[in-house]
C-alpha atoms as a PDB file:
ATOM      1  CA  UNK A   1      12.803-112.452  57.566  1.00  0.00           C
ATOM      2  CA  UNK A   2      10.254-114.664  55.896  1.00  0.00           C
ATOM      3  CA  UNK A   3       9.693-118.079  57.337  1.00  0.00           C
ATOM      4  CA  UNK A   4      10.135-121.156  55.189  1.00  0.00           C
ATOM      5  CA  UNK A   5       6.376-121.640  55.246  1.00  0.00           C
ATOM      6  CA  UNK A   6       5.794-118.125  53.923  1.00  0.00           C
ATOM      7  CA  UNK A   7       8.318-118.690  51.144  1.00  0.00           C
ATOM      8  CA  UNK A   8       6.612-121.970  50.229  1.00  0.00           C
ATOM      9  CA  UNK A   9       3.250-120.199  50.128  1.00  0.00           C
ATOM     10  CA  UNK A  10       4.636-117.533  47.805  1.00  0.00           C
ATOM     11  CA  UNK A  11       6.115-120.142  45.473  1.00  0.00           C
ATOM     12  CA  UNK A  12       2.936-122.206  45.542  1.00  0.00           C
ATOM     13  CA  UNK A  13       0.895-119.137  44.656  1.00  0.00           C
ATOM     14  CA  UNK A  14       3.061-118.757  41.560  1.00  0.00           C
ATOM     15  CA  UNK A  15       2.535-122.345  40.477  1.00  0.00           C
ATOM     16  CA  UNK A  16       5.890-123.543  41.784  1.00  0.00           C
ATOM     17  CA  UNK A  17       6.973-125.761  44.631  1.00  0.00           C
ATOM     18  CA  UNK A  18      10.217-126.070  46.536  1.00  0.00           C
ATOM     19  CA  UNK A  19      12.264-128.777  44.875  1.00  0.00           C
ATOM     20  CA  UNK A  20      10.529-128.459  41.527  1.00  0.00           C
ATOM     21  CA  UNK A  21      12.910-128.633  38.589  1.00  0.00           C
ATOM     22  CA  UNK A  22      12.709-125.783  36.101  1.00  0.00           C
ATOM     23  CA  UNK A  23      13.689-127.897  33.119  1.00  0.00           C
ATOM     24  CA  UNK A  24      13.157-125.089  30.626  1.00  0.00           C
ATOM     25  CA  UNK A  25      15.101-122.505  32.637  1.00  0.00           C
ATOM     26  CA  UNK A  26      16.968-120.533  31.648  1.00  0.00           C
ATOM     27  CA  UNK A  27      15.081-119.815  28.409  1.00  0.00           C
ATOM     28  CA  UNK A  28      16.979-120.452  25.193  1.00  0.00           C
ATOM     29  CA  UNK A  29      19.460-117.636  24.655  1.00  0.00           C
ATOM     30  CA  UNK A  30      19.072-116.214  28.160  1.00  0.00           C
ATOM     31  CA  UNK A  31      22.695-116.787  29.188  1.00  0.00           C
ATOM     32  CA  UNK A  32      24.096-117.646  25.775  1.00  0.00           C
ATOM     33  CA  UNK A  33      26.657-114.831  25.856  1.00  0.00           C
ATOM     34  CA  UNK A  34      28.011-115.869  29.259  1.00  0.00           C
ATOM     35  CA  UNK A  35      28.174-119.594  28.519  1.00  0.00           C
ATOM     36  CA  UNK A  36      29.720-119.193  25.063  1.00  0.00           C
END
C-alpha cells in the first residue's frame, strides 16, 4: 500500500495536488454517450 505522502508526491510530480479541482475534466465529449 502506498502511503498518503507517496500518493501526494506522485500527484505533485504530475503537476497536480490533492484537492485541486479539474475544471476541464472530463474533456468535452468524453462521457457524452453515458450522460446523454
